[in-house]
Amino acid sequence: MAETVTTRTLTTGPGLLASLDPLLREWLPRQRWFAGKGRPVTGFSLVAATELLPAGGPLGLHHLLVRAHQGAPHQGTAPGDCYQLLIGAREALPPHLAPALIGHVTEGPLAGTTIYDALYDTRPAEVLLEALRSGARIGALRCDRDPAQEIRAGLVPRLVTAEQSNSSVIYGDTFILKLLRRVVPGVNPDLELPLALAREGCRRVPPPTAWMQAELGGEPYVLGVLQPFVQGAADGWELALRRLAKDEDFTREARALGRATAEVHTALARALPTTTLGHAHVDPLVAGMIERLEQAAQAVPALRPYAPGLRTAYTALADLAAEGHTWTAQRVHGDLHLGQCLRSASGEWSLIDFEGEPARPLAERRMPQPIERDVAGMLRSFDYAAHSAESPAPDWAAACRAAYCTGYAEVSGVDPRTDPVLLRAFETDKAVYEVVYEARHRPDWLPVPLSAVRRLAASDPS
């Protein structure tokens, strides 16, 4: 570890927390990655605090795990979500760090300093990379790495400023560090699955180079993963929108993406256990889908006319299971869409962000699922892109959806369209989720999932 990093752990007593509390109450809910929006923060508890650079110097750097309490549970977000914060402390903040400002501390261990989100600052980002490079142990923090991959010192960091549910730092166009903001104890699929795929030699997912965890109460908290940065890569969502804007075909890319998805699924099925889903497994799966539909119809009146038709997507699946039909389940991506895919300059697709849907419990995100769940997410993404264009292009979406499934079948030997009941159920569940999300956060976008809802409600479940 670099000599500028100390392993001294800050006190977790009331002084530090009391001094930061009023500043964090204002700052934390404004962050894109804060999960409890719409409900006031009622208090904090400090899970861990580790000093990375001493507070007495020109720059103090403090790694905090802070639990934000928000009263009664709401929509799956329990009170006490734990957030990872990297807090910088200076006497005065340089102008270029103004967007990172949290506030001025008047009491406690950091009294007299200005604190800010240190990921905006190059020196703290360099400290993180050096910790990962050297396999440091700092307080409760533990860094591990793949010894077969070289991490050069001195790579220049830059924060990714695009809106994300986590935070990312790029180091010299060589690596990208994803720091999880809301952290939970246990094995996180965002590290677990890429490690498993690397062991299988799957080149469709950048292999983890190093990772950071906290050991608390005998359980690991995955905090960050460093992976190779795919230089010159195009985000699948942005690439699709650019093609749409120019009225250009996207089926070749969609077919290649289907092949890439199948390669990842095939490797995951080799690396990790699979299971068979029968009647006993499908019944609770269907019950959950129906419950989400009923709650969505209560929350979004525009959905109610379609609820009976949508329900048949789920009952048709339950009927098949009752007749003795079974399905194979395996580990999957869990939140697959165009924005989770990168196309390199050479045309190769990579899949990223295996965290799953962050709002879901970790145990649920790690459960084996039919591959149709991922396929349905991608099909919905093509549909979203087509309806997000200035002029909706349903034929473009239909062509991309077909090409994606064709590409998938070329690798896996199984076309997802040959199981229309299962695929329709998962696509319906995803569209219902989208309706609720758009109604709450982007009402102008509500017509996009509603157009899919109309189609799915009218589909022949057989």
Protein backbone atom coordinates (compact mmCIF):
# COMPACT_ATOMS: atom_id res chain seq x y z
CA MET A 1 0.00 0.00 0.00
CA ALA A 2 1.27 3.52 -0.71
CA GLU A 3 2.86 5.20 2.30
CA THR A 4 0.26 7.97 2.22
CA VAL A 5 -2.50 5.53 3.20
CA THR A 6 -3.04 4.76 6.85
CA THR A 7 -4.89 1.80 8.28
CA ARG A 8 -6.14 3.78 11.27
CA THR A 9 -9.88 3.39 11.71
CA LEU A 10 -11.93 6.44 12.67
CA THR A 11 -14.07 6.33 15.75
CA THR A 12 -17.61 5.17 15.08
CA GLY A 13 -18.84 7.12 18.11
CA PRO A 14 -21.54 9.77 18.10
CA GLY A 15 -19.13 12.66 17.42
CA LEU A 16 -18.34 11.82 13.81
CA LEU A 17 -21.89 10.84 12.94
CA ALA A 18 -23.47 13.85 14.66
CA SER A 19 -21.19 16.24 12.77
CA LEU A 20 -22.02 14.71 9.37
CA ASP A 21 -25.73 14.03 9.95
CA PRO A 22 -27.23 17.41 8.89
CA LEU A 23 -25.02 17.60 5.80
CA LEU A 24 -25.76 14.04 4.67
CA ARG A 25 -29.51 14.52 5.18
CA GLU A 26 -29.43 17.28 2.58
CA TRP A 27 -26.92 15.76 0.18
CA LEU A 28 -27.64 12.03 0.11
CA PRO A 29 -31.28 12.12 -1.13
CA ARG A 30 -30.20 14.28 -4.11
CA GLN A 31 -27.88 11.60 -5.47
CA ARG A 32 -28.99 9.59 -8.49
CA TRP A 33 -28.08 6.33 -6.75
CA PHE A 34 -30.05 7.02 -3.55
CA ALA A 35 -32.78 4.37 -3.43
CA GLY A 36 -35.18 5.94 -0.94
CA LYS A 37 -36.33 8.98 -2.89
CA GLY A 38 -39.62 10.51 -1.80
CA ARG A 39 -39.22 9.64 1.88
CA PRO A 40 -37.34 11.78 4.40
CA VAL A 41 -34.19 10.47 6.04
CA THR A 42 -34.94 10.16 9.75
CA GLY A 43 -31.47 9.25 10.97
CA PHE A 44 -28.14 7.57 10.29
CA SER A 45 -26.04 4.87 11.86
CA LEU A 46 -22.37 4.38 11.05
CA VAL A 47 -21.57 0.84 9.97
CA ALA A 48 -17.85 1.42 9.40
CA ALA A 49 -15.48 4.36 8.98
CA THR A 50 -11.93 3.96 7.72
CA GLU A 51 -9.38 6.72 7.31
CA LEU A 52 -7.49 6.40 4.00
CA LEU A 53 -5.64 9.74 4.13
CA PRO A 54 -5.16 11.51 7.49
CA ALA A 55 -7.52 14.36 8.32
CA GLY A 56 -4.67 16.57 9.51
CA GLY A 57 -3.10 16.88 6.06
CA PRO A 58 -4.09 19.03 3.09
CA LEU A 59 -6.52 16.31 2.00
CA GLY A 60 -8.32 13.91 4.29
CA LEU A 61 -9.98 10.84 2.80
CA HIS A 62 -12.53 8.74 4.64
CA HIS A 63 -14.34 5.60 3.54
CA LEU A 64 -17.76 5.35 5.20
CA LEU A 65 -20.49 2.75 5.23
CA VAL A 66 -23.56 4.62 6.44
CA ARG A 67 -27.02 3.24 7.10
CA ALA A 68 -29.79 5.70 6.23
CA HIS A 69 -33.02 5.19 8.16
CA GLN A 70 -36.29 6.26 6.56
CA GLY A 71 -39.07 4.96 8.73
CA ALA A 72 -41.59 2.43 7.44
CA PRO A 73 -40.73 0.15 4.49
CA HIS A 74 -42.02 1.27 1.10
CA GLN A 75 -41.99 -0.52 -2.25
CA GLY A 76 -39.33 -3.01 -1.29
CA THR A 77 -36.81 -0.51 0.08
CA ALA A 78 -36.45 -1.31 3.77
CA PRO A 79 -35.35 1.30 6.30
CA GLY A 80 -31.66 1.10 6.99
CA ASP A 81 -30.22 0.84 3.47
CA CYS A 82 -26.43 0.89 3.69
CA TYR A 83 -24.53 3.28 1.41
CA GLN A 84 -20.85 3.46 0.52
CA LEU A 85 -19.44 6.98 0.69
CA LEU A 86 -15.95 8.21 -0.10
CA ILE A 87 -15.65 11.53 1.71
CA GLY A 88 -12.88 14.00 1.02
CA ALA A 89 -12.04 16.74 3.53
CA ARG A 90 -10.20 19.99 2.68
CA GLU A 91 -9.91 23.38 4.32
CA ALA A 92 -11.32 24.93 1.14
CA LEU A 93 -12.70 23.33 -2.00
CA PRO A 94 -11.05 24.22 -5.33
CA PRO A 95 -13.51 25.61 -7.91
CA HIS A 96 -13.29 22.52 -10.14
CA LEU A 97 -14.64 20.38 -7.25
CA ALA A 98 -17.68 22.60 -6.60
CA PRO A 99 -20.11 19.99 -8.08
CA ALA A 100 -18.88 17.50 -5.46
CA LEU A 101 -19.62 19.71 -2.43
CA ILE A 102 -21.40 18.11 0.52
CA GLY A 103 -20.98 20.90 3.08
CA HIS A 104 -18.91 22.56 5.78
CA VAL A 105 -18.31 20.68 9.04
CA THR A 106 -18.45 22.75 12.26
CA GLU A 107 -17.92 20.10 14.93
CA GLY A 108 -16.59 16.61 15.52
CA PRO A 109 -13.40 14.97 14.16
CA LEU A 110 -13.66 16.82 10.81
CA ALA A 111 -14.51 20.25 12.25
CA GLY A 112 -13.27 23.16 10.18
CA THR A 113 -13.15 21.25 6.91
CA THR A 114 -15.23 21.22 3.76
CA ILE A 115 -16.34 17.72 2.85
CA TYR A 116 -17.17 16.51 -0.66
CA ASP A 117 -17.70 13.41 -2.80
CA ALA A 118 -14.06 12.41 -3.25
CA LEU A 119 -14.63 10.42 -6.44
CA TYR A 120 -14.61 13.74 -8.30
CA ASP A 121 -11.01 14.25 -7.18
CA THR A 122 -8.03 12.58 -8.87
CA ARG A 123 -5.93 11.97 -5.74
CA PRO A 124 -8.57 9.94 -3.86
CA ALA A 125 -9.27 7.94 -7.02
CA GLU A 126 -5.54 7.20 -7.27
CA VAL A 127 -5.57 5.98 -3.66
CA LEU A 128 -8.33 3.50 -4.51
CA LEU A 129 -6.43 2.14 -7.51
CA GLU A 130 -3.25 1.74 -5.46
CA ALA A 131 -5.20 -0.14 -2.79
CA LEU A 132 -6.54 -2.52 -5.42
CA ARG A 133 -3.15 -2.85 -7.13
CA SER A 134 -1.36 -3.73 -3.91
CA GLY A 135 -4.05 -5.98 -2.40
CA ALA A 136 -4.33 -3.70 0.62
CA ARG A 137 -5.96 -4.44 3.96
CA ILE A 138 -7.21 -1.17 5.50
CA GLY A 139 -9.37 -1.41 8.56
CA ALA A 140 -12.41 -3.44 7.56
CA LEU A 141 -11.57 -3.02 3.86
CA ARG A 142 -10.00 -5.87 1.93
CA CYS A 143 -8.71 -5.67 -1.63
CA ASP A 144 -8.05 -8.73 -3.78
CA ARG A 145 -6.90 -9.09 -7.36
CA ASP A 146 -6.26 -11.51 -10.20
CA PRO A 147 -2.47 -11.98 -10.17
CA ALA A 148 -2.51 -12.83 -13.88
CA GLN A 149 -3.61 -9.29 -14.79
CA GLU A 150 -1.19 -6.39 -14.52
CA ILE A 151 -2.31 -3.11 -12.96
CA ARG A 152 0.13 -0.33 -13.81
CA ALA A 153 0.62 2.42 -11.26
CA GLY A 154 -0.01 6.03 -12.20
CA LEU A 155 -3.04 5.58 -14.45
CA VAL A 156 -4.92 8.89 -14.65
CA PRO A 157 -8.49 8.61 -13.27
CA ARG A 158 -11.65 10.32 -14.44
CA LEU A 159 -15.15 10.01 -13.00
CA VAL A 160 -17.95 8.87 -15.29
CA THR A 161 -20.53 11.64 -14.91
CA ALA A 162 -23.41 9.96 -16.75
CA GLU A 163 -26.34 9.07 -14.50
CA GLN A 164 -25.92 5.61 -12.99
CA SER A 165 -27.27 3.63 -10.08
CA ASN A 166 -23.65 3.29 -8.91
CA SER A 167 -20.44 5.25 -9.57
CA SER A 168 -17.65 4.48 -12.04
CA VAL A 169 -14.09 5.73 -12.47
CA ILE A 170 -12.04 5.11 -15.62
CA TYR A 171 -8.27 4.77 -15.23
CA GLY A 172 -6.28 5.79 -18.27
CA ASP A 173 -8.63 4.05 -20.73
CA THR A 174 -7.27 0.78 -19.30
CA PHE A 175 -9.59 -0.10 -16.41
CA ILE A 176 -12.98 0.90 -15.10
CA LEU A 177 -13.82 0.71 -11.40
CA LYS A 178 -17.48 0.28 -10.53
CA LEU A 179 -18.20 1.32 -6.94
CA LEU A 180 -21.47 0.00 -5.58
CA ARG A 181 -23.32 2.71 -3.71
CA ARG A 182 -26.07 0.75 -1.96
CA VAL A 183 -24.38 -2.31 -0.50
CA VAL A 184 -25.74 -5.44 1.13
CA PRO A 185 -24.07 -8.36 2.90
CA GLY A 186 -23.51 -11.55 0.97
CA VAL A 187 -22.16 -12.80 -2.33
CA ASN A 188 -22.87 -10.11 -4.94
CA PRO A 189 -23.56 -11.43 -8.47
CA ASP A 190 -21.76 -8.41 -9.94
CA LEU A 191 -18.52 -10.06 -8.79
CA GLU A 192 -19.62 -13.69 -8.55
CA LEU A 193 -20.82 -14.12 -12.14
CA PRO A 194 -17.96 -12.35 -13.97
CA LEU A 195 -15.48 -14.41 -11.91
CA ALA A 196 -17.31 -17.60 -12.86
CA LEU A 197 -17.36 -16.57 -16.53
CA ALA A 198 -13.65 -15.75 -16.43
CA ARG A 199 -12.94 -19.25 -15.12
CA GLU A 200 -14.89 -20.62 -18.09
CA GLY A 201 -12.88 -18.51 -20.52
CA CYS A 202 -15.95 -16.56 -21.68
CA ARG A 203 -14.68 -13.46 -23.48
CA ARG A 204 -18.07 -11.75 -23.64
CA VAL A 205 -17.69 -10.31 -20.13
CA PRO A 206 -14.64 -8.30 -19.00
CA PRO A 207 -12.91 -10.42 -16.33
CA PRO A 208 -12.56 -8.87 -12.86
CA THR A 209 -9.03 -7.54 -12.38
CA ALA A 210 -9.40 -6.60 -8.70
CA TRP A 211 -12.18 -6.08 -6.19
CA MET A 212 -12.80 -4.46 -2.83
CA GLN A 213 -14.91 -5.86 0.00
CA ALA A 214 -15.62 -5.08 3.64
CA GLU A 215 -15.69 -7.86 6.22
CA LEU A 216 -18.34 -6.95 8.79
CA GLY A 217 -20.05 -9.29 11.19
CA GLY A 218 -18.56 -12.30 9.45
CA GLU A 219 -20.15 -11.44 6.10
CA PRO A 220 -18.61 -9.85 2.99
CA TYR A 221 -19.93 -6.61 1.54
CA VAL A 222 -18.81 -6.25 -2.08
CA LEU A 223 -17.90 -2.59 -2.54
CA GLY A 224 -16.27 -2.31 -5.94
CA VAL A 225 -15.00 -4.23 -8.97
CA LEU A 226 -12.16 -3.20 -11.29
CA GLN A 227 -12.41 -4.57 -14.84
CA PRO A 228 -10.70 -3.92 -18.17
CA PHE A 229 -12.14 -0.88 -19.94
CA VAL A 230 -13.46 -1.64 -23.44
CA GLN A 231 -11.88 1.21 -25.39
CA GLY A 232 -13.91 2.81 -28.14
CA ALA A 233 -16.98 0.78 -27.20
CA ALA A 234 -20.46 2.01 -28.02
CA ASP A 235 -23.28 1.64 -25.51
CA GLY A 236 -25.95 -0.58 -27.08
CA TRP A 237 -28.76 1.82 -26.23
CA GLU A 238 -27.01 4.87 -27.68
CA LEU A 239 -25.96 2.91 -30.75
CA ALA A 240 -29.53 1.75 -31.37
CA LEU A 241 -30.89 5.28 -31.01
CA ARG A 242 -28.30 6.62 -33.46
CA ARG A 243 -29.28 3.99 -36.01
CA LEU A 244 -32.94 4.81 -35.52
CA ALA A 245 -32.30 8.53 -35.97
CA LYS A 246 -30.68 7.77 -39.34
CA ASP A 247 -33.37 5.21 -40.26
CA GLU A 248 -30.65 2.56 -40.47
CA ASP A 249 -30.93 -1.20 -40.04
CA PHE A 250 -29.87 -2.71 -36.70
CA THR A 251 -30.66 -6.38 -37.29
CA ARG A 252 -27.04 -7.41 -37.88
CA GLU A 253 -26.07 -5.99 -34.50
CA ALA A 254 -29.15 -7.50 -32.85
CA ARG A 255 -28.30 -10.93 -34.23
CA ALA A 256 -24.71 -10.65 -33.00
CA LEU A 257 -25.99 -9.55 -29.59
CA GLY A 258 -28.23 -12.62 -29.47
CA ARG A 259 -25.19 -14.79 -30.12
CA ALA A 260 -23.24 -13.02 -27.37
CA THR A 261 -26.09 -13.49 -24.89
CA ALA A 262 -26.28 -17.20 -25.68
CA GLU A 263 -22.52 -17.56 -25.20
CA VAL A 264 -22.80 -16.00 -21.74
CA HIS A 265 -25.78 -18.17 -20.79
CA THR A 266 -24.02 -21.32 -22.02
CA ALA A 267 -20.91 -20.49 -19.99
CA LEU A 268 -22.96 -19.75 -16.87
CA ALA A 269 -24.76 -23.08 -17.20
CA ARG A 270 -21.37 -24.82 -17.30
CA ALA A 271 -19.92 -22.83 -14.41
CA LEU A 272 -22.78 -22.88 -11.92
CA PRO A 273 -25.55 -25.32 -10.97
CA THR A 274 -28.78 -25.51 -12.94
CA THR A 275 -32.13 -26.74 -11.72
CA THR A 276 -35.46 -27.95 -13.08
CA LEU A 277 -38.58 -25.88 -12.51
CA GLY A 278 -41.78 -27.83 -12.13
CA HIS A 279 -45.25 -27.14 -10.81
CA ALA A 280 -44.04 -26.47 -7.25
CA HIS A 281 -41.59 -23.82 -8.46
CA VAL A 282 -43.72 -22.19 -11.13
CA ASP A 283 -46.76 -21.63 -8.91
CA PRO A 284 -44.98 -19.12 -6.60
CA LEU A 285 -43.34 -17.54 -9.65
CA VAL A 286 -46.75 -16.96 -11.22
CA ALA A 287 -48.24 -15.79 -7.92
CA GLY A 288 -45.54 -13.12 -7.68
CA MET A 289 -46.24 -11.95 -11.23
CA ILE A 290 -49.98 -11.72 -10.53
CA GLU A 291 -49.37 -9.82 -7.30
CA ARG A 292 -47.14 -7.30 -9.09
CA LEU A 293 -49.81 -6.86 -11.77
CA GLU A 294 -52.53 -6.23 -9.19
CA GLN A 295 -50.40 -3.70 -7.33
CA ALA A 296 -49.50 -1.97 -10.58
CA ALA A 297 -53.13 -1.73 -11.66
CA GLN A 298 -53.97 -0.09 -8.34
CA ALA A 299 -51.13 2.39 -8.73
CA VAL A 300 -51.61 3.22 -12.44
CA PRO A 301 -55.24 3.57 -13.59
CA ALA A 302 -54.20 3.48 -17.26
CA LEU A 303 -53.18 -0.15 -16.78
CA ARG A 304 -56.50 -1.38 -15.41
CA PRO A 305 -58.33 -2.02 -18.72
CA TYR A 306 -55.55 -4.39 -19.78
CA ALA A 307 -55.14 -6.27 -16.50
CA PRO A 308 -57.46 -9.22 -17.38
CA GLY A 309 -55.64 -9.83 -20.66
CA LEU A 310 -52.24 -9.54 -19.03
CA ARG A 311 -53.25 -11.96 -16.32
CA THR A 312 -53.77 -14.67 -18.95
CA ALA A 313 -50.03 -14.51 -19.71
CA TYR A 314 -49.42 -15.78 -16.19
CA THR A 315 -52.29 -18.25 -15.89
CA ALA A 316 -51.26 -19.83 -19.21
CA LEU A 317 -47.84 -20.53 -17.70
CA ALA A 318 -49.41 -21.98 -14.55
CA ASP A 319 -51.62 -24.21 -16.71
CA LEU A 320 -48.59 -25.61 -18.56
CA ALA A 321 -46.88 -26.36 -15.27
CA ALA A 322 -50.01 -28.08 -13.96
CA GLU A 323 -49.93 -30.31 -17.05
CA GLY A 324 -46.45 -31.47 -16.08
CA HIS A 325 -44.33 -29.17 -18.23
CA THR A 326 -40.88 -28.35 -16.79
CA TRP A 327 -38.22 -25.75 -17.55
CA THR A 328 -34.50 -25.48 -16.93
CA ALA A 329 -33.35 -22.63 -14.72
CA GLN A 330 -29.80 -21.34 -14.39
CA ARG A 331 -27.91 -18.21 -13.33
CA VAL A 332 -28.63 -15.34 -15.71
CA HIS A 333 -27.78 -11.66 -16.02
CA GLY A 334 -31.03 -10.63 -14.34
CA ASP A 335 -31.39 -7.09 -15.70
CA LEU A 336 -30.43 -7.37 -19.36
CA HIS A 337 -31.13 -4.51 -21.76
CA LEU A 338 -29.31 -2.57 -24.46
CA GLY A 339 -27.71 -0.26 -21.92
CA GLN A 340 -25.95 -3.26 -20.33
CA CYS A 341 -24.21 -4.14 -23.59
CA LEU A 342 -21.08 -2.68 -25.16
CA ARG A 343 -20.07 -3.04 -28.82
CA SER A 344 -16.33 -2.72 -29.39
CA ALA A 345 -14.78 -0.95 -32.38
CA SER A 346 -14.22 -4.40 -33.93
CA GLY A 347 -17.93 -5.21 -33.65
CA GLU A 348 -17.74 -7.61 -30.68
CA TRP A 349 -20.44 -7.38 -28.02
CA SER A 350 -19.76 -7.52 -24.29
CA LEU A 351 -22.25 -7.79 -21.42
CA ILE A 352 -21.69 -5.77 -18.24
CA ASP A 353 -23.33 -5.01 -14.87
CA PHE A 354 -24.38 -8.38 -13.47
CA GLU A 355 -25.75 -6.87 -10.27
CA GLY A 356 -29.35 -7.69 -11.26
CA GLU A 357 -32.24 -5.42 -10.33
CA PRO A 358 -30.83 -3.57 -7.27
CA ALA A 359 -34.26 -3.15 -5.69
CA ARG A 360 -34.69 -6.93 -5.45
CA PRO A 361 -33.32 -8.86 -2.44
CA LEU A 362 -29.86 -10.32 -2.99
CA ALA A 363 -31.06 -13.90 -2.46
CA GLU A 364 -33.66 -13.42 -5.18
CA ARG A 365 -31.09 -11.96 -7.58
CA ARG A 366 -28.90 -15.04 -7.11
CA MET A 367 -31.67 -17.56 -7.80
CA PRO A 368 -31.55 -19.64 -11.00
CA GLN A 369 -33.99 -18.36 -13.62
CA PRO A 370 -35.09 -19.47 -17.09
CA ILE A 371 -32.98 -17.79 -19.78
CA GLU A 372 -36.22 -16.28 -21.09
CA ARG A 373 -36.04 -13.69 -18.32
CA ASP A 374 -32.93 -12.14 -19.90
CA VAL A 375 -34.32 -12.55 -23.40
CA ALA A 376 -37.56 -10.81 -22.42
CA GLY A 377 -35.57 -7.88 -20.99
CA MET A 378 -33.70 -7.46 -24.26
CA LEU A 379 -36.87 -7.73 -26.34
CA ARG A 380 -38.42 -5.00 -24.25
CA SER A 381 -35.29 -2.89 -24.77
CA PHE A 382 -35.59 -3.07 -28.57
CA ASP A 383 -39.22 -2.05 -28.21
CA TYR A 384 -38.26 0.85 -25.93
CA ALA A 385 -35.69 2.11 -28.39
CA ALA A 386 -38.14 1.97 -31.28
CA HIS A 387 -40.79 3.92 -29.37
CA SER A 388 -38.27 6.42 -27.99
CA ALA A 389 -37.38 7.61 -31.47
CA GLU A 390 -38.85 10.82 -32.85
CA SER A 391 -41.08 8.68 -35.05
CA PRO A 392 -41.99 5.33 -33.42
CA ALA A 393 -40.70 2.40 -35.47
CA PRO A 394 -42.52 -0.80 -34.46
CA ASP A 395 -41.32 -2.63 -37.59
CA TRP A 396 -37.70 -1.82 -36.65
CA ALA A 397 -38.30 -3.31 -33.20
CA ALA A 398 -39.96 -6.44 -34.61
CA ALA A 399 -37.03 -7.03 -36.98
CA CYS A 400 -34.49 -6.59 -34.18
CA ARG A 401 -36.40 -8.86 -31.83
CA ALA A 402 -36.49 -11.59 -34.47
CA ALA A 403 -32.82 -11.17 -35.34
CA TYR A 404 -31.82 -11.33 -31.66
CA CYS A 405 -33.68 -14.61 -31.13
CA THR A 406 -32.21 -16.03 -34.35
CA GLY A 407 -28.69 -15.19 -33.19
CA TYR A 408 -29.40 -16.71 -29.80
CA ALA A 409 -30.56 -19.96 -31.40
CA GLU A 410 -27.45 -20.15 -33.60
CA VAL A 411 -25.29 -20.56 -30.49
CA SER A 412 -27.57 -22.29 -27.98
CA GLY A 413 -29.46 -24.53 -30.40
CA VAL A 414 -32.76 -23.36 -28.87
CA ASP A 415 -34.81 -20.44 -30.16
CA PRO A 416 -36.51 -18.64 -27.24
CA ARG A 417 -39.56 -18.13 -29.44
CA THR A 418 -40.27 -21.87 -29.29
CA ASP A 419 -41.53 -21.35 -25.73
CA PRO A 420 -43.96 -18.48 -26.33
CA VAL A 421 -45.91 -18.93 -23.10
CA LEU A 422 -42.86 -18.57 -20.87
CA LEU A 423 -41.45 -15.73 -22.94
CA ARG A 424 -44.74 -13.85 -22.92
CA ALA A 425 -45.04 -14.20 -19.15
CA PHE A 426 -41.61 -12.71 -18.53
CA GLU A 427 -42.09 -9.95 -21.09
CA THR A 428 -45.45 -9.07 -19.55
CA ASP A 429 -43.93 -8.94 -16.06
CA LYS A 430 -41.23 -6.59 -17.37
CA ALA A 431 -43.73 -4.33 -19.15
CA VAL A 432 -45.86 -4.07 -15.99
CA TYR A 433 -42.77 -3.01 -14.04
CA GLU A 434 -42.01 -0.40 -16.72
CA VAL A 435 -45.52 1.04 -16.50
CA VAL A 436 -45.16 1.64 -12.76
CA TYR A 437 -41.67 3.10 -13.15
CA GLU A 438 -42.66 5.54 -15.89
CA ALA A 439 -45.85 6.60 -14.11
CA ARG A 440 -43.79 7.51 -11.05
CA HIS A 441 -40.66 8.96 -12.58
CA ARG A 442 -41.24 9.87 -16.25
CA PRO A 443 -44.95 10.24 -17.00
CA ASP A 444 -44.22 11.45 -20.53
CA TRP A 445 -42.73 8.02 -21.26
CA LEU A 446 -45.76 6.07 -20.05
CA PRO A 447 -47.08 5.50 -23.61
CA VAL A 448 -43.97 3.43 -24.39
CA PRO A 449 -44.68 0.48 -22.05
CA LEU A 450 -48.43 0.92 -22.51
CA SER A 451 -48.03 0.18 -26.22
CA ALA A 452 -46.43 -3.13 -25.26
CA VAL A 453 -49.12 -3.76 -22.67
CA ARG A 454 -51.80 -3.46 -25.35
CA ARG A 455 -49.97 -5.98 -27.55
CA LEU A 456 -49.29 -8.44 -24.72
CA ALA A 457 -52.83 -8.26 -23.35
CA ALA A 458 -54.20 -9.19 -26.75
CA SER A 459 -51.71 -12.01 -27.42
CA ASP A 460 -52.86 -15.58 -27.76
CA PRO A 461 -51.47 -17.30 -24.69
CA SER A 462 -51.30 -20.62 -26.52
